Every structure is written in C-alpha cells, then in structure tokens.
Amino acid sequence: MHDMQTHLEILLTEAEECALISRRHAADQSKKELFADLSSNLLGLATKVELAIEERQDRSNR
C-alpha cells in the first residue's frame, strides 16, 4: 500500500509540474498543449491509483 501511495504522490507532483510548464514556461502553443495534455493524462492515472488504494482499503476492512 505504501508503494501505491508513493506512486500516487509522484503522479500528482508530475501533473502539477506539467500544468505549471503549460501555463507559464512553454514558449509556443503546441508545447503548451502538449504539457496540458500530459498533466491531464497524469491526473487520470493518479485517479486510477487513488481508486485502487481505496479498493484495497475496503477489502482490508472487511
């Protein structure tokens, strides 16, 4: 479980960094879109990891 939480935190950090690059540092529109898409994809993966953690916790509590 601890490993999944660690990976979740990494995904969320990477998503935030990509969002920041998209908003503030990307030089052209295509790079802004690329980093915005990466952020969105990473957030989607983070959501899946969160759900998996919750499912494991639910199974452990039974």
PDB file of N, CA and C in Angstrom:
ATOM      1  N   MET A   1       0.830  -1.195   0.000  1.00  0.00           N
ATOM      2  CA  MET A   1       0.000   0.000   0.000  1.00  0.00           C
ATOM      3  C   MET A   1       0.872   1.256   0.000  1.00  0.00           C
ATOM      4  N   HIS A   2       1.955   1.193   0.764  1.00  0.00           N
ATOM      5  CA  HIS A   2       2.837   2.359   0.850  1.00  0.00           C
ATOM      6  C   HIS A   2       3.415   2.712  -0.516  1.00  0.00           C
ATOM      7  N   ASP A   3       3.774   1.686  -1.290  1.00  0.00           N
ATOM      8  CA  ASP A   3       4.319   1.934  -2.630  1.00  0.00           C
ATOM      9  C   ASP A   3       3.299   2.622  -3.521  1.00  0.00           C
ATOM     10  N   MET A   4       2.042   2.212  -3.411  1.00  0.00           N
ATOM     11  CA  MET A   4       0.997   2.833  -4.231  1.00  0.00           C
ATOM     12  C   MET A   4       0.813   4.301  -3.840  1.00  0.00           C
ATOM     13  N   GLN A   5       0.871   4.591  -2.552  1.00  0.00           N
ATOM     14  CA  GLN A   5       0.744   5.968  -2.094  1.00  0.00           C
ATOM     15  C   GLN A   5       1.917   6.805  -2.600  1.00  0.00           C
ATOM     16  N   THR A   6       3.105   6.227  -2.574  1.00  0.00           N
ATOM     17  CA  THR A   6       4.287   6.930  -3.085  1.00  0.00           C
ATOM     18  C   THR A   6       4.131   7.232  -4.568  1.00  0.00           C
ATOM     19  N   HIS A   7       3.670   6.262  -5.327  1.00  0.00           N
ATOM     20  CA  HIS A   7       3.476   6.464  -6.760  1.00  0.00           C
ATOM     21  C   HIS A   7       2.382   7.499  -7.026  1.00  0.00           C
ATOM     22  N   LEU A   8       1.353   7.494  -6.212  1.00  0.00           N
ATOM     23  CA  LEU A   8       0.298   8.487  -6.344  1.00  0.00           C
ATOM     24  C   LEU A   8       0.864   9.888  -6.153  1.00  0.00           C
ATOM     25  N   GLU A   9       1.659  10.067  -5.127  1.00  0.00           N
ATOM     26  CA  GLU A   9       2.260  11.377  -4.865  1.00  0.00           C
ATOM     27  C   GLU A   9       3.160  11.818  -6.017  1.00  0.00           C
ATOM     28  N   ILE A  10       3.900  10.888  -6.577  1.00  0.00           N
ATOM     29  CA  ILE A  10       4.766  11.209  -7.718  1.00  0.00           C
ATOM     30  C   ILE A  10       3.925  11.637  -8.916  1.00  0.00           C
ATOM     31  N   LEU A  11       2.872  10.902  -9.212  1.00  0.00           N
ATOM     32  CA  LEU A  11       1.998  11.256 -10.335  1.00  0.00           C
ATOM     33  C   LEU A  11       1.400  12.647 -10.155  1.00  0.00           C
ATOM     34  N   LEU A  12       0.945  12.943  -8.940  1.00  0.00           N
ATOM     35  CA  LEU A  12       0.340  14.253  -8.682  1.00  0.00           C
ATOM     36  C   LEU A  12       1.368  15.380  -8.811  1.00  0.00           C
ATOM     37  N   THR A  13       2.576  15.128  -8.346  1.00  0.00           N
ATOM     38  CA  THR A  13       3.642  16.128  -8.470  1.00  0.00           C
ATOM     39  C   THR A  13       3.986  16.371  -9.935  1.00  0.00           C
ATOM     40  N   GLU A  14       4.130  15.292 -10.687  1.00  0.00           N
ATOM     41  CA  GLU A  14       4.448  15.425 -12.115  1.00  0.00           C
ATOM     42  C   GLU A  14       3.320  16.143 -12.862  1.00  0.00           C
ATOM     43  N   ALA A  15       2.087  15.843 -12.524  1.00  0.00           N
ATOM     44  CA  ALA A  15       0.949  16.507 -13.175  1.00  0.00           C
ATOM     45  C   ALA A  15       0.981  18.005 -12.902  1.00  0.00           C
ATOM     46  N   GLU A  16       1.267  18.368 -11.675  1.00  0.00           N
ATOM     47  CA  GLU A  16       1.339  19.789 -11.318  1.00  0.00           C
ATOM     48  C   GLU A  16       2.479  20.485 -12.046  1.00  0.00           C
ATOM     49  N   GLU A  17       3.607  19.818 -12.152  1.00  0.00           N
ATOM     50  CA  GLU A  17       4.752  20.395 -12.870  1.00  0.00           C
ATOM     51  C   GLU A  17       4.425  20.595 -14.349  1.00  0.00           C
ATOM     52  N   CYS A  18       3.770  19.630 -14.951  1.00  0.00           N
ATOM     53  CA  CYS A  18       3.378  19.773 -16.362  1.00  0.00           C
ATOM     54  C   CYS A  18       2.376  20.908 -16.545  1.00  0.00           C
ATOM     55  N   ALA A  19       1.444  21.023 -15.618  1.00  0.00           N
ATOM     56  CA  ALA A  19       0.466  22.114 -15.688  1.00  0.00           C
ATOM     57  C   ALA A  19       1.168  23.460 -15.561  1.00  0.00           C
ATOM     58  N   LEU A  20       2.123  23.552 -14.665  1.00  0.00           N
ATOM     59  CA  LEU A  20       2.873  24.793 -14.478  1.00  0.00           C
ATOM     60  C   LEU A  20       3.654  25.147 -15.738  1.00  0.00           C
ATOM     61  N   ILE A  21       4.303  24.179 -16.323  1.00  0.00           N
ATOM     62  CA  ILE A  21       5.039  24.417 -17.570  1.00  0.00           C
ATOM     63  C   ILE A  21       4.083  24.894 -18.651  1.00  0.00           C
ATOM     64  N   SER A  22       2.937  24.259 -18.742  1.00  0.00           N
ATOM     65  CA  SER A  22       1.956  24.632 -19.755  1.00  0.00           C
ATOM     66  C   SER A  22       1.501  26.080 -19.583  1.00  0.00           C
ATOM     67  N   ARG A  23       1.267  26.474 -18.343  1.00  0.00           N
ATOM     68  CA  ARG A  23       0.749  27.824 -18.071  1.00  0.00           C
ATOM     69  C   ARG A  23       1.806  28.909 -18.153  1.00  0.00           C
ATOM     70  N   ARG A  24       3.028  28.601 -17.719  1.00  0.00           N
ATOM     71  CA  ARG A  24       3.987  29.689 -17.518  1.00  0.00           C
ATOM     72  C   ARG A  24       5.262  29.619 -18.349  1.00  0.00           C
ATOM     73  N   HIS A  25       5.662  28.431 -18.737  1.00  0.00           N
ATOM     74  CA  HIS A  25       7.001  28.310 -19.304  1.00  0.00           C
ATOM     75  C   HIS A  25       7.070  27.849 -20.755  1.00  0.00           C
ATOM     76  N   ALA A  26       6.013  27.277 -21.258  1.00  0.00           N
ATOM     77  CA  ALA A  26       6.053  26.789 -22.641  1.00  0.00           C
ATOM     78  C   ALA A  26       6.100  27.975 -23.597  1.00  0.00           C
ATOM     79  N   ALA A  27       7.000  27.883 -24.560  1.00  0.00           N
ATOM     80  CA  ALA A  27       7.252  29.006 -25.447  1.00  0.00           C
ATOM     81  C   ALA A  27       6.214  29.154 -26.551  1.00  0.00           C
ATOM     82  N   ASP A  28       5.668  28.058 -27.015  1.00  0.00           N
ATOM     83  CA  ASP A  28       4.700  28.163 -28.104  1.00  0.00           C
ATOM     84  C   ASP A  28       3.443  27.355 -27.785  1.00  0.00           C
ATOM     85  N   GLN A  29       2.435  27.537 -28.588  1.00  0.00           N
ATOM     86  CA  GLN A  29       1.130  26.930 -28.327  1.00  0.00           C
ATOM     87  C   GLN A  29       1.178  25.402 -28.349  1.00  0.00           C
ATOM     88  N   SER A  30       1.950  24.830 -29.258  1.00  0.00           N
ATOM     89  CA  SER A  30       1.999  23.363 -29.325  1.00  0.00           C
ATOM     90  C   SER A  30       2.615  22.774 -28.062  1.00  0.00           C
ATOM     91  N   LYS A  31       3.630  23.437 -27.496  1.00  0.00           N
ATOM     92  CA  LYS A  31       4.225  22.951 -26.250  1.00  0.00           C
ATOM     93  C   LYS A  31       3.268  23.146 -25.080  1.00  0.00           C
ATOM     94  N   LYS A  32       2.541  24.247 -25.077  1.00  0.00           N
ATOM     95  CA  LYS A  32       1.542  24.467 -24.027  1.00  0.00           C
ATOM     96  C   LYS A  32       0.506  23.350 -24.046  1.00  0.00           C
ATOM     97  N   GLU A  33       0.026  23.019 -25.234  1.00  0.00           N
ATOM     98  CA  GLU A  33      -0.972  21.955 -25.371  1.00  0.00           C
ATOM     99  C   GLU A  33      -0.400  20.600 -24.965  1.00  0.00           C
ATOM    100  N   LEU A  34       0.845  20.344 -25.355  1.00  0.00           N
ATOM    101  CA  LEU A  34       1.492  19.083 -25.007  1.00  0.00           C
ATOM    102  C   LEU A  34       1.560  18.913 -23.497  1.00  0.00           C
ATOM    103  N   PHE A  35       2.041  19.929 -22.799  1.00  0.00           N
ATOM    104  CA  PHE A  35       2.183  19.821 -21.351  1.00  0.00           C
ATOM    105  C   PHE A  35       0.832  19.815 -20.648  1.00  0.00           C
ATOM    106  N   ALA A  36      -0.149  20.493 -21.199  1.00  0.00           N
ATOM    107  CA  ALA A  36      -1.504  20.429 -20.635  1.00  0.00           C
ATOM    108  C   ALA A  36      -2.068  19.017 -20.789  1.00  0.00           C
ATOM    109  N   ASP A  37      -1.839  18.399 -21.943  1.00  0.00           N
ATOM    110  CA  ASP A  37      -2.287  17.015 -22.163  1.00  0.00           C
ATOM    111  C   ASP A  37      -1.574  16.037 -21.232  1.00  0.00           C
ATOM    112  N   LEU A  38      -0.267  16.235 -21.073  1.00  0.00           N
ATOM    113  CA  LEU A  38       0.487  15.374 -20.159  1.00  0.00           C
ATOM    114  C   LEU A  38      -0.060  15.495 -18.735  1.00  0.00           C
ATOM    115  N   SER A  39      -0.324  16.715 -18.315  1.00  0.00           N
ATOM    116  CA  SER A  39      -0.884  16.938 -16.990  1.00  0.00           C
ATOM    117  C   SER A  39      -2.219  16.211 -16.835  1.00  0.00           C
ATOM    118  N   SER A  40      -3.067  16.344 -17.814  1.00  0.00           N
ATOM    119  CA  SER A  40      -4.374  15.697 -17.778  1.00  0.00           C
ATOM    120  C   SER A  40      -4.244  14.173 -17.709  1.00  0.00           C
ATOM    121  N   ASN A  41      -3.353  13.626 -18.510  1.00  0.00           N
ATOM    122  CA  ASN A  41      -3.149  12.176 -18.518  1.00  0.00           C
ATOM    123  C   ASN A  41      -2.611  11.691 -17.171  1.00  0.00           C
ATOM    124  N   LEU A  42      -1.678  12.433 -16.601  1.00  0.00           N
ATOM    125  CA  LEU A  42      -1.114  12.053 -15.308  1.00  0.00           C
ATOM    126  C   LEU A  42      -2.173  12.123 -14.208  1.00  0.00           C
ATOM    127  N   LEU A  43      -3.036  13.127 -14.276  1.00  0.00           N
ATOM    128  CA  LEU A  43      -4.118  13.224 -13.296  1.00  0.00           C
ATOM    129  C   LEU A  43      -5.084  12.048 -13.440  1.00  0.00           C
ATOM    130  N   GLY A  44      -5.324  11.634 -14.669  1.00  0.00           N
ATOM    131  CA  GLY A  44      -6.175  10.466 -14.895  1.00  0.00           C
ATOM    132  C   GLY A  44      -5.566   9.209 -14.295  1.00  0.00           C
ATOM    133  N   LEU A  45      -4.271   9.039 -14.466  1.00  0.00           N
ATOM    134  CA  LEU A  45      -3.591   7.888 -13.864  1.00  0.00           C
ATOM    135  C   LEU A  45      -3.626   7.975 -12.341  1.00  0.00           C
ATOM    136  N   ALA A  46      -3.438   9.169 -11.817  1.00  0.00           N
ATOM    137  CA  ALA A  46      -3.488   9.354 -10.364  1.00  0.00           C
ATOM    138  C   ALA A  46      -4.864   8.975  -9.820  1.00  0.00           C
ATOM    139  N   THR A  47      -5.897   9.322 -10.537  1.00  0.00           N
ATOM    140  CA  THR A  47      -7.252   8.966 -10.118  1.00  0.00           C
ATOM    141  C   THR A  47      -7.414   7.453 -10.053  1.00  0.00           C
ATOM    142  N   LYS A  48      -6.879   6.757 -11.046  1.00  0.00           N
ATOM    143  CA  LYS A  48      -6.961   5.295 -11.057  1.00  0.00           C
ATOM    144  C   LYS A  48      -6.198   4.681  -9.883  1.00  0.00           C
ATOM    145  N   VAL A  49      -5.048   5.252  -9.559  1.00  0.00           N
ATOM    146  CA  VAL A  49      -4.279   4.761  -8.420  1.00  0.00           C
ATOM    147  C   VAL A  49      -5.039   5.022  -7.121  1.00  0.00           C
ATOM    148  N   GLU A  50      -5.645   6.197  -7.001  1.00  0.00           N
ATOM    149  CA  GLU A  50      -6.452   6.505  -5.812  1.00  0.00           C
ATOM    150  C   GLU A  50      -7.586   5.495  -5.643  1.00  0.00           C
ATOM    151  N   LEU A  51      -8.247   5.180  -6.728  1.00  0.00           N
ATOM    152  CA  LEU A  51      -9.337   4.203  -6.672  1.00  0.00           C
ATOM    153  C   LEU A  51      -8.823   2.823  -6.255  1.00  0.00           C
ATOM    154  N   ALA A  52      -7.676   2.448  -6.775  1.00  0.00           N
ATOM    155  CA  ALA A  52      -7.092   1.155  -6.415  1.00  0.00           C
ATOM    156  C   ALA A  52      -6.733   1.118  -4.930  1.00  0.00           C
ATOM    157  N   ILE A  53      -6.215   2.216  -4.407  1.00  0.00           N
ATOM    158  CA  ILE A  53      -5.887   2.294  -2.983  1.00  0.00           C
ATOM    159  C   ILE A  53      -7.158   2.160  -2.159  1.00  0.00           C
ATOM    160  N   GLU A  54      -8.200   2.870  -2.548  1.00  0.00           N
ATOM    161  CA  GLU A  54      -9.469   2.800  -1.820  1.00  0.00           C
ATOM    162  C   GLU A  54     -10.053   1.386  -1.849  1.00  0.00           C
ATOM    163  N   GLU A  55      -9.970   0.733  -3.003  1.00  0.00           N
ATOM    164  CA  GLU A  55     -10.483  -0.638  -3.114  1.00  0.00           C
ATOM    165  C   GLU A  55      -9.729  -1.582  -2.199  1.00  0.00           C
ATOM    166  N   ARG A  56      -8.416  -1.428  -2.148  1.00  0.00           N
ATOM    167  CA  ARG A  56      -7.610  -2.275  -1.266  1.00  0.00           C
ATOM    168  C   ARG A  56      -7.964  -2.031   0.193  1.00  0.00           C
ATOM    169  N   GLN A  57      -8.162  -0.763   0.537  1.00  0.00           N
ATOM    170  CA  GLN A  57      -8.527  -0.436   1.919  1.00  0.00           C
ATOM    171  C   GLN A  57      -9.894  -1.026   2.264  1.00  0.00           C
ATOM    172  N   ASP A  58     -10.826  -0.934   1.324  1.00  0.00           N
ATOM    173  CA  ASP A  58     -12.159  -1.502   1.557  1.00  0.00           C
ATOM    174  C   ASP A  58     -12.078  -3.013   1.774  1.00  0.00           C
ATOM    175  N   ARG A  59     -11.278  -3.684   0.965  1.00  0.00           N
ATOM    176  CA  ARG A  59     -11.129  -5.139   1.099  1.00  0.00           C
ATOM    177  C   ARG A  59     -10.457  -5.510   2.426  1.00  0.00           C
ATOM    178  N   SER A  60      -9.533  -4.668   2.862  1.00  0.00           N
ATOM    179  CA  SER A  60      -8.841  -4.929   4.125  1.00  0.00           C
ATOM    180  C   SER A  60      -9.744  -4.737   5.325  1.00  0.00           C
ATOM    181  N   ASN A  61     -10.733  -3.866   5.177  1.00  0.00           N
ATOM    182  CA  ASN A  61     -11.634  -3.567   6.287  1.00  0.00           C
ATOM    183  C   ASN A  61     -12.776  -4.575   6.424  1.00  0.00           C
ATOM    184  N   ARG A  62     -12.885  -5.482   5.516  1.00  0.00           N
ATOM    185  CA  ARG A  62     -13.978  -6.470   5.566  1.00  0.00           C
ATOM    186  C   ARG A  62     -13.684  -7.585   6.519  1.00  0.00           C
TER     187      ARG A  62
END
